[in-house]
Structures are given as structure tokens and as C-alpha cells.
Amino acid sequence: MEVTKIQAGDKLILKINGKLSAATAEAFNCEVEEAIAESSRIEMDFTEVSYMASAGLRVLIAAQKKLNVCDGLLTLRNVREDVLEVFKLTGLDEVFDIQ
């Protein structure tokens, strides 16, 4: 799993490449924590995310909670259909701003 950060005006875009699994969750969490420290508007590009496990979902839920406290915004873009199915099965498609 690799994360590339791109500053775009007042938001920070995280381009994620690879699997969000138990093995990559800690590294993903570190990247997300750093991003939240830099900006309260985070956009995650899921174009290259091929797998989403519950550990990855936990990182996203924690990020959403932190951003809610500071009236921040978390947007998920370009989520592949197979990964989107995980959000739908867990009901998290109603929690996150998925575009």
C-alpha cells in the first residue's frame, strides 16, 4: 500500500494504491493521521485500491470521527465496485461521502 499526497487548494488529496488490509492498516493510519494534521479537508482517491478489509474501515471511521470534531470533511472518490460492496454490506456507504 502506498499513499501519495497532493495539495489542491484548501484540501489534501490522498491517492491510495494497493490493499487496505490488516497488514497495511498501521501504515495507512499513520498516513491519514499526518494528513489530518495538515488539513481538515481530506479527499481520498480509491482508484487503485484493490481490497478493503475491516482494518482499513477502522482507520477510515477513526478519521471521520476526528474530522467531524473540527467540522472537517472526508470524501472518498473513485471507489471500485468490489470495494464499494464492502461499504454497502457494512452500511458505511451511508456514513461516508462517497463520490
C-alpha atoms as a PDB file:
ATOM      1  CA  MET A   1       0.000   0.000   0.000  1.00  0.00           C
ATOM      2  CA  GLU A   2       1.316   3.412  -0.994  1.00  0.00           C
ATOM      3  CA  VAL A   3      -0.152   6.856  -0.383  1.00  0.00           C
ATOM      4  CA  THR A   4       0.674   9.931  -2.446  1.00  0.00           C
ATOM      5  CA  LYS A   5      -0.333  13.320  -1.068  1.00  0.00           C
ATOM      6  CA  ILE A   6      -1.349  16.187  -3.340  1.00  0.00           C
ATOM      7  CA  GLN A   7      -2.290  19.637  -2.025  1.00  0.00           C
ATOM      8  CA  ALA A   8      -5.161  21.109  -4.054  1.00  0.00           C
ATOM      9  CA  GLY A   9      -6.198  24.477  -2.698  1.00  0.00           C
ATOM     10  CA  ASP A  10      -7.602  24.002   0.792  1.00  0.00           C
ATOM     11  CA  LYS A  11      -7.922  20.227   0.530  1.00  0.00           C
ATOM     12  CA  LEU A  12      -5.407  17.427   0.674  1.00  0.00           C
ATOM     13  CA  ILE A  13      -5.828  14.552  -1.773  1.00  0.00           C
ATOM     14  CA  LEU A  14      -4.549  11.124  -0.795  1.00  0.00           C
ATOM     15  CA  LYS A  15      -4.078   8.798  -3.764  1.00  0.00           C
ATOM     16  CA  ILE A  16      -4.070   5.294  -2.335  1.00  0.00           C
ATOM     17  CA  ASN A  17      -2.546   2.398  -4.223  1.00  0.00           C
ATOM     18  CA  GLY A  18      -2.848  -1.217  -3.097  1.00  0.00           C
ATOM     19  CA  LYS A  19      -4.685  -3.179  -0.439  1.00  0.00           C
ATOM     20  CA  LEU A  20      -6.116  -1.772   2.791  1.00  0.00           C
ATOM     21  CA  SER A  21      -5.727  -4.845   4.954  1.00  0.00           C
ATOM     22  CA  ALA A  22      -4.639  -5.783   8.468  1.00  0.00           C
ATOM     23  CA  ALA A  23      -1.059  -5.853   7.209  1.00  0.00           C
ATOM     24  CA  THR A  24      -1.206  -2.277   5.877  1.00  0.00           C
ATOM     25  CA  ALA A  25      -3.626  -0.678   8.368  1.00  0.00           C
ATOM     26  CA  GLU A  26      -0.958   0.736  10.681  1.00  0.00           C
ATOM     27  CA  ALA A  27       0.937   2.415   7.841  1.00  0.00           C
ATOM     28  CA  PHE A  28      -2.344   3.674   6.356  1.00  0.00           C
ATOM     29  CA  ASN A  29      -3.362   5.078   9.745  1.00  0.00           C
ATOM     30  CA  CYS A  30      -0.053   6.954  10.034  1.00  0.00           C
ATOM     31  CA  GLU A  31      -0.565   8.497   6.592  1.00  0.00           C
ATOM     32  CA  VAL A  32      -4.135   9.512   7.448  1.00  0.00           C
ATOM     33  CA  GLU A  33      -3.102  10.981  10.825  1.00  0.00           C
ATOM     34  CA  GLU A  34      -0.432  13.086   9.103  1.00  0.00           C
ATOM     35  CA  ALA A  35      -2.964  14.245   6.515  1.00  0.00           C
ATOM     36  CA  ILE A  36      -5.464  15.301   9.184  1.00  0.00           C
ATOM     37  CA  ALA A  37      -2.696  17.260  10.933  1.00  0.00           C
ATOM     38  CA  GLU A  38      -2.128  19.135   7.657  1.00  0.00           C
ATOM     39  CA  SER A  39      -5.713  19.737   6.548  1.00  0.00           C
ATOM     40  CA  SER A  40      -9.303  19.409   7.742  1.00  0.00           C
ATOM     41  CA  ARG A  41     -10.472  18.707   4.184  1.00  0.00           C
ATOM     42  CA  ILE A  42      -9.302  15.294   3.015  1.00  0.00           C
ATOM     43  CA  GLU A  43     -10.164  13.610  -0.266  1.00  0.00           C
ATOM     44  CA  MET A  44      -9.124  10.001  -0.772  1.00  0.00           C
ATOM     45  CA  ASP A  45      -8.785   8.685  -4.308  1.00  0.00           C
ATOM     46  CA  PHE A  46      -9.603   4.966  -4.236  1.00  0.00           C
ATOM     47  CA  THR A  47      -8.997   4.332  -7.965  1.00  0.00           C
ATOM     48  CA  GLU A  48      -6.097   1.956  -7.218  1.00  0.00           C
ATOM     49  CA  VAL A  49      -7.454   0.370  -4.019  1.00  0.00           C
ATOM     50  CA  SER A  50      -7.942  -3.294  -4.865  1.00  0.00           C
ATOM     51  CA  TYR A  51      -9.033  -4.633  -1.471  1.00  0.00           C
ATOM     52  CA  MET A  52     -10.640  -3.276   1.692  1.00  0.00           C
ATOM     53  CA  ALA A  53     -10.602  -5.196   4.985  1.00  0.00           C
ATOM     54  CA  SER A  54     -12.179  -4.269   8.302  1.00  0.00           C
ATOM     55  CA  ALA A  55      -8.834  -2.879   9.489  1.00  0.00           C
ATOM     56  CA  GLY A  56      -8.935  -0.329   6.672  1.00  0.00           C
ATOM     57  CA  LEU A  57     -12.519   0.538   7.551  1.00  0.00           C
ATOM     58  CA  ARG A  58     -11.491   1.177  11.163  1.00  0.00           C
ATOM     59  CA  VAL A  59      -8.889   3.697  10.009  1.00  0.00           C
ATOM     60  CA  LEU A  60     -11.496   5.488   7.905  1.00  0.00           C
ATOM     61  CA  ILE A  61     -14.040   5.542  10.752  1.00  0.00           C
ATOM     62  CA  ALA A  62     -11.452   7.000  13.142  1.00  0.00           C
ATOM     63  CA  ALA A  63     -10.522   9.635  10.548  1.00  0.00           C
ATOM     64  CA  GLN A  64     -14.174  10.557  10.014  1.00  0.00           C
ATOM     65  CA  LYS A  65     -14.679  10.976  13.775  1.00  0.00           C
ATOM     66  CA  LYS A  66     -11.619  13.235  14.099  1.00  0.00           C
ATOM     67  CA  LEU A  67     -12.683  15.359  11.154  1.00  0.00           C
ATOM     68  CA  ASN A  68     -16.236  15.649  12.495  1.00  0.00           C
ATOM     69  CA  VAL A  69     -14.879  17.227  15.693  1.00  0.00           C
ATOM     70  CA  CYS A  70     -13.246  20.071  13.754  1.00  0.00           C
ATOM     71  CA  ASP A  71     -16.027  20.426  11.133  1.00  0.00           C
ATOM     72  CA  GLY A  72     -13.714  18.818   8.615  1.00  0.00           C
ATOM     73  CA  LEU A  73     -14.636  16.864   5.518  1.00  0.00           C
ATOM     74  CA  LEU A  74     -13.649  13.398   4.320  1.00  0.00           C
ATOM     75  CA  THR A  75     -14.570  12.454   0.776  1.00  0.00           C
ATOM     76  CA  LEU A  76     -13.898   9.093  -0.902  1.00  0.00           C
ATOM     77  CA  ARG A  77     -13.692   9.174  -4.707  1.00  0.00           C
ATOM     78  CA  ASN A  78     -13.420   6.609  -7.475  1.00  0.00           C
ATOM     79  CA  VAL A  79     -14.233   3.627  -5.262  1.00  0.00           C
ATOM     80  CA  ARG A  80     -14.179   0.436  -7.318  1.00  0.00           C
ATOM     81  CA  GLU A  81     -17.378  -1.597  -7.324  1.00  0.00           C
ATOM     82  CA  ASP A  82     -15.888  -4.557  -5.434  1.00  0.00           C
ATOM     83  CA  VAL A  83     -14.536  -2.249  -2.717  1.00  0.00           C
ATOM     84  CA  LEU A  84     -17.773  -0.256  -2.648  1.00  0.00           C
ATOM     85  CA  GLU A  85     -19.584  -3.508  -1.897  1.00  0.00           C
ATOM     86  CA  VAL A  86     -17.740  -3.678   1.454  1.00  0.00           C
ATOM     87  CA  PHE A  87     -19.060  -0.226   2.355  1.00  0.00           C
ATOM     88  CA  LYS A  88     -22.573  -1.245   1.337  1.00  0.00           C
ATOM     89  CA  LEU A  89     -22.508  -4.537   3.264  1.00  0.00           C
ATOM     90  CA  THR A  90     -21.461  -2.743   6.443  1.00  0.00           C
ATOM     91  CA  GLY A  91     -23.823   0.195   5.971  1.00  0.00           C
ATOM     92  CA  LEU A  92     -20.861   2.565   5.863  1.00  0.00           C
ATOM     93  CA  ASP A  93     -21.879   3.833   2.445  1.00  0.00           C
ATOM     94  CA  GLU A  94     -24.411   5.903   4.432  1.00  0.00           C
ATOM     95  CA  VAL A  95     -21.712   7.252   6.769  1.00  0.00           C
ATOM     96  CA  PHE A  96     -19.041   8.335   4.289  1.00  0.00           C
ATOM     97  CA  ASP A  97     -19.266  10.864   1.482  1.00  0.00           C
ATOM     98  CA  ILE A  98     -18.554   8.506  -1.435  1.00  0.00           C
ATOM     99  CA  GLN A  99     -18.441  10.097  -4.874  1.00  0.00           C
END
